[in-house]
Amino acid sequence: MNTIIESIKKEYDNHILEVSTSQNETYLTVKKEIIVKMCDHIYHHLDIPLVCIFATDERKKEGFFKVHYVFSVDREDAFIILRIDIDGKNPGYPSITNKVAAANWYEREIQDLFGLIPVGHPDPRRLINFEDWPAGIHPLRKDFDIKTKPPRVEGEYVYRRVEGEGVYEIPVGPVHAGVIEPGHFRFSVAGEPIINLEIRHFYTHKGVEKLFENISLDKAVFLAERISGDNSVAHAVAFCQAMEKIAGMDIPPRAKHVRTILLELERIYNHIGDIAGIATDVAFSFGAAHANKLKEDVLQLNERITGSRLLRGMNTIGGVRRDIGSSKDEILLNLSIIHRDFRKLMELLFSTPSLMDRIETTGRIYNDIAKGLHVVGPVGRASGIDRDTRRDHPYAAYKEFNFKVPVSKAGDVHARTVVRGDEICESIALIEQALWSLPEGDISIKADDIPDGSALGYCESPRGETIYWIRTCGNKIERCKVRDPSFCNWLSIEYAVLDNIVPDFPIINKSLSLSYSGNDM
């Protein structure tokens, strides 16, 4: 890591104003005029992915807004965070989206929530504040009261139009036939093949990051758990780890093992559910029923050992709330049966010609697209991106265990199904290792007052890399940035559907396992 930082300092020394390090996070405050070149250098020349961009309102203390660019140095378990200062009276700053495509939504999000303008952005339309939201009101600024009820104004979102002979549009949503949250999909079709898709989300933006600033620390874990219901453990663990880093806590070894077990149980039931959904969308009802039965078995196991089907209420700052060591034999026995039945299910699925015909070559996301958009989790790994937070930035007890990270290069629905299936088998093996090596001792340490500071928390949820950046002040949360994996992956669906037909959209969508709630925060 020191070598990388020194090479950056050598290249841009005159433009770096301040350097500081906290644990595995190195912060470089730089001149905003050089930010495009620096991000381009780190991303393309050093081949270090951009994992998040967020803003903070620090006008009261320092007189500036700040924009932070987080890069993940996977091979060294470290992060580089570039920071630029922005004067509120001159809110413009250079957009990096033309150089780093993954910055697209982040910069539009900052524009809406903070009023900071990414100059040169190729698509400056609103993202989160819809057109009926008044101009000049930005909810994540410190002077915006959470109780404010802005008046509605008239406005219209302008969609991209594809014109030509025989081209027509198919609008889908935002209200859907299934029990899912709202999202709008606008297809441009010429004959049967899809030639363009534009998505429009954030219909249920809940102001979660503002809520974190207005609740006590003991309630914040429960809020994190409810950001994305089926990824409750991952969000809670990422939040708790950020707070524990700020406090300098090292939670007990037994708590680390229990967290690992909970995280892998969450991965198992999510992946089985996704496979069930794919089988449903290709009308293979027998396979879907078998998969849904296995998912229900895991959910019932979750409830018996923790009291919650979704494993909620288990994590706390400093460890876990309840022990599960007494359920060791029950967990091992049930997972052994589930593993046996799951392998039979996968053999059945992949030996069914009608299913294979629908999922092979369907919804392909090529490696360059996946890398450019920073697609994460099983979807990224199915497109040849060998990244997994459990291995690259070890947390909980993952450093103590052996496991493989399944990777495929095909990038289609079949590859995503295979990757999830292999991950389920690895998750079962991880739980077995954690149970057999479960240490004795406490499951938590008392978390007294949290000192002032900031830190990253991160976790590999079933959907992929989940990131929290938290700043505390006066034993309260001053800023909490949450980046769910779906925020990275939603844009990939616009590429996955190209040259496919509209009836294949549900299969492609399900294979990406995208969350509306985790995205619309």
Protein backbone atom coordinates (compact mmCIF):
# COMPACT_ATOMS: atom_id res chain seq x y z
CA MET A 1 0.00 0.00 0.00
CA ASN A 2 2.84 2.40 0.83
CA THR A 3 4.26 1.82 -2.65
CA ILE A 4 0.96 2.78 -4.28
CA ILE A 5 0.59 5.91 -2.16
CA GLU A 6 4.17 6.95 -2.88
CA SER A 7 3.64 6.50 -6.62
CA ILE A 8 0.52 8.69 -6.46
CA LYS A 9 2.35 11.34 -4.42
CA LYS A 10 5.24 11.29 -6.88
CA GLU A 11 2.87 11.78 -9.82
CA TYR A 12 0.67 14.46 -8.22
CA ASP A 13 2.69 15.82 -5.29
CA ASN A 14 1.99 19.50 -6.03
CA HIS A 15 -1.76 18.85 -6.05
CA ILE A 16 -2.01 16.86 -2.79
CA LEU A 17 -2.92 19.10 0.15
CA GLU A 18 -3.06 16.55 2.98
CA VAL A 19 -2.46 12.83 3.61
CA SER A 20 -3.76 10.88 6.63
CA THR A 21 -4.13 7.19 7.44
CA SER A 22 -6.56 5.41 9.74
CA GLN A 23 -6.20 1.63 9.95
CA ASN A 24 -6.53 0.39 6.35
CA GLU A 25 -7.90 3.69 4.99
CA THR A 26 -5.64 6.36 3.46
CA TYR A 27 -7.19 9.78 2.84
CA LEU A 28 -5.71 12.22 0.33
CA THR A 29 -7.16 15.72 0.17
CA VAL A 30 -6.43 17.05 -3.32
CA LYS A 31 -7.19 20.08 -5.47
CA LYS A 32 -10.50 19.64 -7.25
CA GLU A 33 -8.98 20.73 -10.58
CA ILE A 34 -6.85 17.56 -10.67
CA ILE A 35 -9.51 15.05 -9.52
CA VAL A 36 -10.34 13.76 -13.03
CA LYS A 37 -6.70 13.00 -13.84
CA MET A 38 -6.08 11.38 -10.43
CA CYS A 39 -9.15 9.17 -10.60
CA ASP A 40 -8.30 8.22 -14.18
CA HIS A 41 -4.73 7.36 -13.11
CA ILE A 42 -5.80 5.25 -10.13
CA TYR A 43 -8.60 3.50 -12.02
CA HIS A 44 -6.93 2.82 -15.37
CA HIS A 45 -3.17 2.96 -14.78
CA LEU A 46 -3.09 1.33 -11.33
CA ASP A 47 -6.16 -0.88 -12.08
CA ILE A 48 -7.83 -0.08 -8.74
CA PRO A 49 -11.66 -0.10 -8.84
CA LEU A 50 -13.81 2.83 -7.73
CA VAL A 51 -16.29 1.41 -5.20
CA CYS A 52 -18.14 4.50 -3.97
CA ILE A 53 -18.45 8.29 -4.19
CA PHE A 54 -20.22 10.32 -1.52
CA ALA A 55 -20.43 13.86 -0.20
CA THR A 56 -20.39 15.42 3.27
CA ASP A 57 -21.59 18.83 4.44
CA GLU A 58 -18.78 20.25 6.55
CA ARG A 59 -19.58 23.94 6.15
CA LYS A 60 -20.12 24.46 9.88
CA LYS A 61 -16.65 23.18 10.82
CA GLU A 62 -14.51 23.85 7.76
CA GLY A 63 -16.62 26.04 5.51
CA PHE A 64 -16.77 23.47 2.68
CA PHE A 65 -18.64 20.54 1.26
CA LYS A 66 -16.41 17.54 0.58
CA VAL A 67 -16.70 14.86 -2.08
CA HIS A 68 -15.00 11.54 -1.32
CA TYR A 69 -13.86 8.98 -3.94
CA VAL A 70 -13.29 5.50 -2.48
CA PHE A 71 -10.95 3.10 -4.28
CA SER A 72 -10.48 -0.50 -3.13
CA VAL A 73 -6.94 -1.94 -3.17
CA ASP A 74 -8.08 -5.56 -2.94
CA ARG A 75 -4.69 -7.23 -3.07
CA GLU A 76 -3.58 -5.35 0.05
CA ASP A 77 -6.86 -5.11 2.02
CA ALA A 78 -6.73 -1.32 1.87
CA PHE A 79 -8.69 1.69 0.64
CA ILE A 80 -7.62 4.96 -0.93
CA ILE A 81 -10.06 7.83 -0.40
CA LEU A 82 -9.53 11.01 -2.42
CA ARG A 83 -11.24 14.13 -1.07
CA ILE A 84 -11.94 17.49 -2.67
CA ASP A 85 -13.29 20.66 -1.03
CA ILE A 86 -16.20 22.48 -2.68
CA ASP A 87 -17.32 25.98 -1.79
CA GLY A 88 -21.08 26.18 -1.34
CA LYS A 89 -21.14 29.49 -3.23
CA ASN A 90 -19.47 27.82 -6.21
CA PRO A 91 -20.93 24.28 -6.13
CA GLY A 92 -19.45 23.03 -9.39
CA TYR A 93 -16.75 20.36 -9.54
CA PRO A 94 -15.35 18.27 -12.44
CA SER A 95 -17.31 15.13 -13.34
CA ILE A 96 -15.26 11.95 -13.72
CA THR A 97 -18.04 9.92 -15.39
CA ASN A 98 -16.57 10.28 -18.88
CA LYS A 99 -13.40 8.58 -17.58
CA VAL A 100 -14.93 6.21 -15.00
CA ALA A 101 -18.43 5.04 -15.98
CA ALA A 102 -19.14 3.69 -12.49
CA ALA A 103 -19.30 7.30 -11.22
CA ASN A 104 -22.51 8.02 -13.16
CA TRP A 105 -25.22 7.53 -10.52
CA TYR A 106 -23.02 8.66 -7.63
CA GLU A 107 -22.52 12.11 -9.14
CA ARG A 108 -26.21 12.48 -10.01
CA GLU A 109 -27.13 11.39 -6.48
CA ILE A 110 -24.80 14.03 -4.97
CA GLN A 111 -26.28 16.64 -7.30
CA ASP A 112 -29.80 15.93 -6.01
CA LEU A 113 -29.07 15.44 -2.31
CA PHE A 114 -26.35 18.06 -1.79
CA GLY A 115 -26.74 20.50 -4.71
CA LEU A 116 -23.15 20.00 -5.88
CA ILE A 117 -22.92 20.10 -9.68
CA PRO A 118 -20.74 17.57 -11.59
CA VAL A 119 -19.65 19.81 -14.45
CA GLY A 120 -19.37 17.87 -17.71
CA HIS A 121 -21.55 14.95 -16.64
CA PRO A 122 -22.95 13.25 -19.79
CA ASP A 123 -26.42 12.79 -18.25
CA PRO A 124 -27.21 15.60 -15.78
CA ARG A 125 -30.89 14.69 -15.35
CA ARG A 126 -32.27 14.27 -11.84
CA LEU A 127 -31.91 10.84 -10.28
CA ILE A 128 -33.48 10.84 -6.80
CA ASN A 129 -35.28 14.17 -6.44
CA PHE A 130 -38.07 13.75 -8.97
CA GLU A 131 -39.23 16.64 -11.14
CA ASP A 132 -42.01 17.54 -8.69
CA TRP A 133 -39.34 18.35 -6.08
CA PRO A 134 -38.60 22.12 -5.82
CA ALA A 135 -35.27 23.37 -7.14
CA GLY A 136 -32.69 24.49 -4.60
CA ILE A 137 -33.81 22.15 -1.78
CA HIS A 138 -31.28 19.41 -1.02
CA PRO A 139 -32.22 17.00 1.79
CA LEU A 140 -28.76 15.85 2.93
CA ARG A 141 -27.51 19.35 3.63
CA LYS A 142 -27.21 20.01 7.35
CA ASP A 143 -29.55 23.00 7.18
CA PHE A 144 -32.39 20.83 5.81
CA ASP A 145 -34.75 19.86 8.63
CA ILE A 146 -35.92 16.25 8.45
CA LYS A 147 -39.46 17.42 9.25
CA THR A 148 -39.59 19.67 6.19
CA LYS A 149 -42.45 19.01 3.75
CA PRO A 150 -41.45 20.66 0.45
CA PRO A 151 -44.27 21.80 -1.85
CA ARG A 152 -44.82 19.93 -5.10
CA VAL A 153 -44.05 21.67 -8.37
CA GLU A 154 -44.69 20.76 -11.98
CA GLY A 155 -42.00 18.96 -13.92
CA GLU A 156 -41.45 16.13 -16.40
CA TYR A 157 -38.66 13.58 -16.74
CA VAL A 158 -37.38 13.39 -20.31
CA TYR A 159 -36.63 9.83 -21.40
CA ARG A 160 -34.11 8.93 -24.07
CA ARG A 161 -35.87 8.29 -27.37
CA VAL A 162 -34.85 5.78 -30.03
CA GLU A 163 -36.29 6.68 -33.39
CA GLY A 164 -36.43 4.82 -36.67
CA GLU A 165 -38.68 2.80 -38.90
CA GLY A 166 -40.43 0.02 -37.00
CA VAL A 167 -39.15 1.14 -33.59
CA TYR A 168 -41.74 1.29 -30.82
CA GLU A 169 -41.69 1.65 -27.02
CA ILE A 170 -43.00 -0.73 -24.37
CA PRO A 171 -43.41 0.91 -20.93
CA VAL A 172 -43.38 -1.49 -17.96
CA GLY A 173 -44.16 -0.28 -14.44
CA PRO A 174 -43.67 1.49 -12.13
CA VAL A 175 -46.62 -0.52 -10.74
CA HIS A 176 -46.12 -4.23 -11.34
CA ALA A 177 -48.37 -7.26 -11.24
CA GLY A 178 -46.21 -9.00 -8.61
CA VAL A 179 -45.75 -7.96 -5.01
CA ILE A 180 -42.60 -5.96 -5.65
CA GLU A 181 -41.61 -2.33 -5.21
CA PRO A 182 -42.01 0.24 -7.99
CA GLY A 183 -39.58 0.63 -10.85
CA HIS A 184 -40.10 1.83 -14.42
CA PHE A 185 -38.63 0.05 -17.46
CA ARG A 186 -38.96 1.62 -20.92
CA PHE A 187 -38.05 -0.74 -23.77
CA SER A 188 -37.32 0.36 -27.32
CA VAL A 189 -37.98 -2.58 -29.62
CA ALA A 190 -37.56 -3.18 -33.35
CA GLY A 191 -39.47 -6.36 -34.12
CA GLU A 192 -38.66 -8.77 -31.28
CA PRO A 193 -35.10 -7.80 -30.21
CA ILE A 194 -34.63 -5.11 -27.55
CA ILE A 195 -32.46 -2.29 -28.89
CA ASN A 196 -32.59 -0.05 -25.82
CA LEU A 197 -33.79 -0.10 -22.23
CA GLU A 198 -33.97 2.85 -19.86
CA ILE A 199 -34.73 2.30 -16.18
CA ARG A 200 -36.21 4.85 -13.77
CA HIS A 201 -36.15 4.13 -10.03
CA PHE A 202 -36.19 5.91 -6.64
CA TYR A 203 -40.00 6.06 -6.47
CA THR A 204 -39.79 5.01 -2.80
CA HIS A 205 -36.77 6.98 -1.66
CA LYS A 206 -37.02 6.81 2.14
CA GLY A 207 -34.38 9.27 3.33
CA VAL A 208 -32.48 6.56 5.22
CA GLU A 209 -29.18 8.44 5.35
CA LYS A 210 -30.95 11.46 6.87
CA LEU A 211 -32.67 9.18 9.38
CA PHE A 212 -29.30 7.88 10.59
CA GLU A 213 -28.38 11.45 11.55
CA ASN A 214 -31.52 11.80 13.66
CA ILE A 215 -31.68 8.61 15.72
CA SER A 216 -29.71 7.23 18.66
CA LEU A 217 -26.93 4.69 18.15
CA ASP A 218 -28.88 1.87 19.80
CA LYS A 219 -31.61 2.22 17.14
CA ALA A 220 -29.24 2.64 14.20
CA VAL A 221 -28.43 -1.09 13.94
CA PHE A 222 -32.13 -1.86 13.55
CA LEU A 223 -32.45 0.77 10.83
CA ALA A 224 -29.50 -0.77 8.96
CA GLU A 225 -31.20 -4.19 9.15
CA ARG A 226 -34.30 -2.81 7.46
CA ILE A 227 -32.67 -1.15 4.46
CA SER A 228 -32.89 -4.36 2.42
CA GLY A 229 -34.92 -7.01 4.21
CA ASP A 230 -33.38 -10.14 2.71
CA ASN A 231 -29.86 -8.76 3.29
CA SER A 232 -30.49 -7.78 6.92
CA VAL A 233 -27.40 -9.46 8.35
CA ALA A 234 -25.03 -8.04 5.76
CA HIS A 235 -26.21 -4.46 6.33
CA ALA A 236 -26.12 -4.83 10.11
CA VAL A 237 -22.61 -6.33 10.05
CA ALA A 238 -21.26 -3.62 7.72
CA PHE A 239 -22.76 -0.92 9.96
CA CYS A 240 -21.45 -2.51 13.17
CA GLN A 241 -17.98 -3.00 11.73
CA ALA A 242 -17.73 0.68 10.80
CA MET A 243 -18.73 1.68 14.33
CA GLU A 244 -16.33 -0.85 15.86
CA LYS A 245 -13.46 0.52 13.75
CA ILE A 246 -14.20 4.03 14.98
CA ALA A 247 -14.25 2.79 18.58
CA GLY A 248 -11.11 0.66 18.12
CA MET A 249 -13.00 -2.48 19.19
CA ASP A 250 -11.92 -6.04 18.47
CA ILE A 251 -14.99 -8.16 19.05
CA PRO A 252 -14.64 -11.61 20.70
CA PRO A 253 -13.58 -14.54 18.47
CA ARG A 254 -16.83 -16.39 19.20
CA ALA A 255 -18.83 -13.38 17.98
CA LYS A 256 -16.81 -13.33 14.75
CA HIS A 257 -17.64 -16.99 14.13
CA VAL A 258 -21.34 -16.46 14.86
CA ARG A 259 -21.45 -13.50 12.46
CA THR A 260 -19.83 -15.63 9.78
CA ILE A 261 -22.44 -18.37 10.25
CA LEU A 262 -25.31 -15.87 10.07
CA LEU A 263 -23.91 -14.22 6.94
CA GLU A 264 -23.58 -17.56 5.16
CA LEU A 265 -27.06 -18.71 6.17
CA GLU A 266 -28.36 -15.47 4.63
CA ARG A 267 -26.39 -16.15 1.45
CA ILE A 268 -27.77 -19.70 1.19
CA TYR A 269 -31.48 -18.83 1.41
CA ASN A 270 -31.07 -15.85 -0.94
CA HIS A 271 -29.24 -17.84 -3.62
CA ILE A 272 -31.72 -20.73 -3.43
CA GLY A 273 -34.56 -18.21 -3.76
CA ASP A 274 -32.92 -16.66 -6.83
CA ILE A 275 -32.55 -20.07 -8.46
CA ALA A 276 -36.21 -20.77 -7.67
CA GLY A 277 -37.16 -17.49 -9.36
CA ILE A 278 -35.21 -18.35 -12.50
CA ALA A 279 -36.93 -21.75 -12.69
CA THR A 280 -40.31 -20.03 -12.23
CA ASP A 281 -39.66 -17.55 -15.03
CA VAL A 282 -38.86 -20.30 -17.52
CA ALA A 283 -42.05 -22.15 -16.46
CA PHE A 284 -40.17 -25.07 -14.89
CA SER A 285 -42.61 -25.37 -11.99
CA PHE A 286 -41.30 -28.65 -10.60
CA GLY A 287 -37.77 -27.28 -10.21
CA ALA A 288 -39.09 -24.02 -8.74
CA ALA A 289 -41.20 -25.90 -6.17
CA HIS A 290 -38.21 -28.00 -5.14
CA ALA A 291 -36.02 -24.89 -4.73
CA ASN A 292 -38.68 -22.99 -2.80
CA LYS A 293 -39.05 -25.95 -0.45
CA LEU A 294 -35.29 -25.87 0.24
CA LYS A 295 -35.41 -22.12 0.84
CA GLU A 296 -38.23 -22.63 3.32
CA ASP A 297 -36.15 -25.28 5.11
CA VAL A 298 -33.35 -22.74 5.58
CA LEU A 299 -35.75 -20.00 6.72
CA GLN A 300 -37.27 -22.34 9.32
CA LEU A 301 -33.78 -23.29 10.50
CA ASN A 302 -33.00 -19.56 10.83
CA GLU A 303 -36.08 -19.06 12.98
CA ARG A 304 -35.34 -22.01 15.25
CA ILE A 305 -31.78 -20.90 16.03
CA THR A 306 -32.24 -17.10 16.15
CA GLY A 307 -35.98 -16.41 16.50
CA SER A 308 -36.10 -14.65 13.11
CA ARG A 309 -36.55 -16.11 9.66
CA LEU A 310 -34.48 -13.22 8.27
CA LEU A 311 -31.91 -13.41 11.10
CA ARG A 312 -32.79 -9.98 12.42
CA GLY A 313 -31.95 -8.69 15.90
CA MET A 314 -28.76 -10.75 16.19
CA ASN A 315 -26.03 -8.18 15.55
CA THR A 316 -25.04 -5.33 17.82
CA ILE A 317 -22.13 -2.93 18.09
CA GLY A 318 -19.49 -5.02 19.85
CA GLY A 319 -20.61 -8.50 18.74
CA VAL A 320 -23.87 -10.46 18.66
CA ARG A 321 -26.89 -10.49 20.96
CA ARG A 322 -27.51 -14.25 21.17
CA ASP A 323 -25.35 -17.34 20.99
CA ILE A 324 -26.14 -20.18 18.60
CA GLY A 325 -23.52 -22.66 19.83
CA SER A 326 -26.14 -24.91 21.44
CA SER A 327 -27.72 -25.41 18.00
CA LYS A 328 -24.50 -26.76 16.44
CA ASP A 329 -25.74 -30.32 15.86
CA GLU A 330 -29.10 -29.17 14.51
CA ILE A 331 -27.46 -26.77 12.05
CA LEU A 332 -24.99 -29.38 10.82
CA LEU A 333 -27.67 -32.04 10.35
CA ASN A 334 -30.08 -29.73 8.53
CA LEU A 335 -27.40 -28.29 6.26
CA SER A 336 -26.22 -31.80 5.37
CA ILE A 337 -29.72 -32.71 4.20
CA ILE A 338 -30.18 -29.39 2.38
CA HIS A 339 -26.80 -29.80 0.66
CA ARG A 340 -27.69 -33.30 -0.56
CA ASP A 341 -31.07 -32.19 -1.89
CA PHE A 342 -29.66 -29.03 -3.45
CA ARG A 343 -27.08 -30.96 -5.46
CA LYS A 344 -29.88 -33.16 -6.81
CA LEU A 345 -31.84 -30.02 -7.71
CA MET A 346 -28.91 -28.55 -9.68
CA GLU A 347 -28.43 -31.84 -11.56
CA LEU A 348 -32.13 -31.77 -12.43
CA LEU A 349 -32.02 -28.15 -13.63
CA PHE A 350 -28.96 -28.52 -15.82
CA SER A 351 -30.20 -31.76 -17.37
CA THR A 352 -33.50 -30.20 -18.47
CA PRO A 353 -33.18 -29.12 -22.13
CA SER A 354 -36.09 -26.67 -22.04
CA LEU A 355 -34.54 -24.79 -19.13
CA MET A 356 -31.02 -24.78 -20.58
CA ASP A 357 -32.35 -23.47 -23.88
CA ARG A 358 -33.80 -20.43 -22.07
CA ILE A 359 -30.79 -19.55 -19.87
CA GLU A 360 -27.71 -20.26 -22.01
CA THR A 361 -26.44 -17.12 -23.85
CA THR A 362 -29.41 -15.15 -22.43
CA GLY A 363 -28.80 -11.80 -20.76
CA ARG A 364 -25.07 -11.69 -21.32
CA ILE A 365 -23.06 -8.97 -19.56
CA TYR A 366 -19.60 -8.80 -21.08
CA ASN A 367 -16.57 -8.42 -18.85
CA ASP A 368 -15.66 -4.91 -20.03
CA ILE A 369 -19.19 -3.67 -19.33
CA ALA A 370 -19.27 -5.34 -15.91
CA LYS A 371 -15.89 -3.91 -14.99
CA GLY A 372 -16.72 -0.42 -16.25
CA LEU A 373 -19.95 -0.25 -14.23
CA HIS A 374 -18.31 -1.90 -11.19
CA VAL A 375 -20.82 -4.76 -11.18
CA VAL A 376 -20.45 -6.63 -7.90
CA GLY A 377 -21.30 -9.95 -6.27
CA PRO A 378 -22.34 -13.13 -8.11
CA VAL A 379 -23.33 -11.08 -11.17
CA GLY A 380 -19.85 -9.62 -11.46
CA ARG A 381 -18.16 -12.95 -10.79
CA ALA A 382 -20.30 -14.58 -13.49
CA SER A 383 -18.82 -12.02 -15.90
CA GLY A 384 -15.22 -12.80 -15.01
CA ILE A 385 -14.62 -10.28 -12.18
CA ASP A 386 -12.66 -12.11 -9.49
CA ARG A 387 -13.65 -9.96 -6.48
CA ASP A 388 -15.13 -11.01 -3.15
CA THR A 389 -15.01 -8.82 -0.03
CA ARG A 390 -14.78 -11.88 2.23
CA ARG A 391 -11.41 -12.75 0.68
CA ASP A 392 -10.12 -9.33 -0.44
CA HIS A 393 -11.00 -7.40 2.74
CA PRO A 394 -11.44 -10.17 5.35
CA TYR A 395 -13.82 -9.47 8.25
CA ALA A 396 -15.64 -11.56 10.88
CA ALA A 397 -13.80 -14.92 10.90
CA TYR A 398 -13.29 -15.38 7.14
CA LYS A 399 -9.51 -15.07 7.35
CA GLU A 400 -9.42 -18.34 9.34
CA PHE A 401 -11.29 -20.47 6.80
CA ASN A 402 -10.63 -22.02 3.42
CA PHE A 403 -13.13 -21.29 0.65
CA LYS A 404 -13.17 -20.81 -3.09
CA VAL A 405 -14.61 -17.83 -4.94
CA PRO A 406 -16.51 -19.23 -7.96
CA VAL A 407 -15.88 -17.23 -11.14
CA SER A 408 -17.24 -17.71 -14.66
CA LYS A 409 -16.61 -15.79 -17.88
CA ALA A 410 -19.80 -16.43 -19.86
CA GLY A 411 -21.77 -13.61 -18.20
CA ASP A 412 -25.20 -15.07 -19.07
CA VAL A 413 -28.12 -16.30 -16.94
CA HIS A 414 -26.64 -19.80 -16.93
CA ALA A 415 -23.29 -18.52 -15.59
CA ARG A 416 -25.03 -16.55 -12.84
CA THR A 417 -27.00 -19.67 -11.87
CA VAL A 418 -23.83 -21.79 -11.76
CA VAL A 419 -21.97 -19.22 -9.65
CA ARG A 420 -24.80 -19.06 -7.14
CA GLY A 421 -25.02 -22.83 -6.97
CA ASP A 422 -21.29 -23.16 -6.32
CA GLU A 423 -21.45 -20.40 -3.69
CA ILE A 424 -24.18 -22.28 -1.81
CA CYS A 425 -21.92 -25.31 -1.53
CA GLU A 426 -19.02 -23.09 -0.37
CA SER A 427 -21.30 -21.40 2.19
CA ILE A 428 -22.31 -24.74 3.69
CA ALA A 429 -18.63 -25.70 3.97
CA LEU A 430 -17.85 -22.34 5.63
CA ILE A 431 -20.60 -22.83 8.22
CA GLU A 432 -19.31 -26.32 8.98
CA GLN A 433 -15.77 -24.96 9.49
CA ALA A 434 -17.07 -22.17 11.73
CA LEU A 435 -19.13 -24.55 13.87
CA TRP A 436 -16.37 -27.13 14.26
CA SER A 437 -13.88 -24.43 15.31
CA LEU A 438 -16.30 -22.32 17.37
CA PRO A 439 -14.22 -20.79 20.19
CA GLU A 440 -15.38 -20.55 23.79
CA GLY A 441 -15.90 -17.17 25.40
CA ASP A 442 -18.05 -14.07 25.27
CA ILE A 443 -20.24 -13.15 22.32
CA SER A 444 -19.97 -9.37 22.76
CA ILE A 445 -18.13 -6.57 24.48
CA LYS A 446 -19.79 -3.51 25.91
CA ALA A 447 -19.87 -0.56 23.57
CA ASP A 448 -19.53 2.56 25.67
CA ASP A 449 -19.58 6.03 24.17
CA ILE A 450 -18.35 5.98 20.58
CA PRO A 451 -15.53 8.50 20.04
CA ASP A 452 -15.55 11.08 17.28
CA GLY A 453 -14.15 9.65 14.06
CA SER A 454 -14.91 8.06 10.71
CA ALA A 455 -14.46 4.63 9.15
CA LEU A 456 -15.57 2.28 6.40
CA GLY A 457 -17.56 -0.86 7.10
CA TYR A 458 -17.97 -3.48 4.39
CA CYS A 459 -19.48 -6.87 3.80
CA GLU A 460 -20.08 -9.33 0.96
CA SER A 461 -23.85 -9.66 1.01
CA PRO A 462 -25.65 -12.23 -1.17
CA ARG A 463 -25.91 -9.51 -3.84
CA GLY A 464 -22.32 -8.36 -3.44
CA GLU A 465 -20.15 -5.71 -1.88
CA THR A 466 -22.05 -3.60 0.70
CA ILE A 467 -20.35 -0.45 1.99
CA TYR A 468 -20.98 1.93 4.88
CA TRP A 469 -18.97 5.06 5.64
CA ILE A 470 -19.81 6.57 9.01
CA ARG A 471 -18.67 9.72 10.77
CA THR A 472 -19.54 10.16 14.44
CA CYS A 473 -19.54 13.28 16.58
CA GLY A 474 -20.73 13.63 20.18
CA ASN A 475 -21.82 9.98 20.37
CA LYS A 476 -24.17 10.51 17.42
CA ILE A 477 -23.96 9.75 13.72
CA GLU A 478 -23.03 12.86 11.80
CA ARG A 479 -23.00 11.21 8.37
CA CYS A 480 -23.78 7.67 7.25
CA LYS A 481 -23.28 6.81 3.61
CA VAL A 482 -24.84 3.48 2.62
CA ARG A 483 -24.01 1.82 -0.70
CA ASP A 484 -26.04 -1.30 -1.39
CA PRO A 485 -24.76 -3.60 -4.19
CA SER A 486 -27.93 -3.00 -6.22
CA PHE A 487 -26.91 0.65 -6.65
CA CYS A 488 -23.96 -0.65 -8.69
CA ASN A 489 -25.79 -3.44 -10.51
CA TRP A 490 -29.06 -1.84 -11.65
CA LEU A 491 -27.48 -0.10 -14.64
CA SER A 492 -26.10 -3.42 -15.90
CA ILE A 493 -29.61 -4.59 -16.78
CA GLU A 494 -29.72 -1.96 -19.54
CA TYR A 495 -26.86 -3.84 -21.21
CA ALA A 496 -27.91 -7.38 -20.27
CA VAL A 497 -31.18 -7.16 -22.21
CA LEU A 498 -29.73 -5.87 -25.49
CA ASP A 499 -30.43 -8.17 -28.47
CA ASN A 500 -32.63 -10.34 -26.26
CA ILE A 501 -36.41 -10.43 -26.60
CA VAL A 502 -38.92 -8.92 -24.17
CA PRO A 503 -40.17 -12.33 -22.87
CA ASP A 504 -36.61 -13.00 -21.64
CA PHE A 505 -36.56 -9.84 -19.52
CA PRO A 506 -38.08 -11.50 -16.38
CA ILE A 507 -35.43 -14.25 -16.46
CA ILE A 508 -32.61 -11.75 -16.91
CA ASN A 509 -34.01 -9.53 -14.17
CA LYS A 510 -34.33 -12.42 -11.72
CA SER A 511 -30.83 -13.68 -12.48
CA LEU A 512 -29.44 -10.26 -11.48
CA SER A 513 -31.38 -10.38 -8.16
CA LEU A 514 -31.68 -6.60 -7.91
CA SER A 515 -33.20 -4.92 -4.88
CA TYR A 516 -35.52 -1.92 -5.15
CA SER A 517 -35.45 -1.24 -1.40
CA GLY A 518 -31.66 -1.44 -1.10
CA ASN A 519 -31.35 0.93 -4.04
CA ASP A 520 -34.13 3.39 -3.18
CA MET A 521 -32.84 4.61 0.19
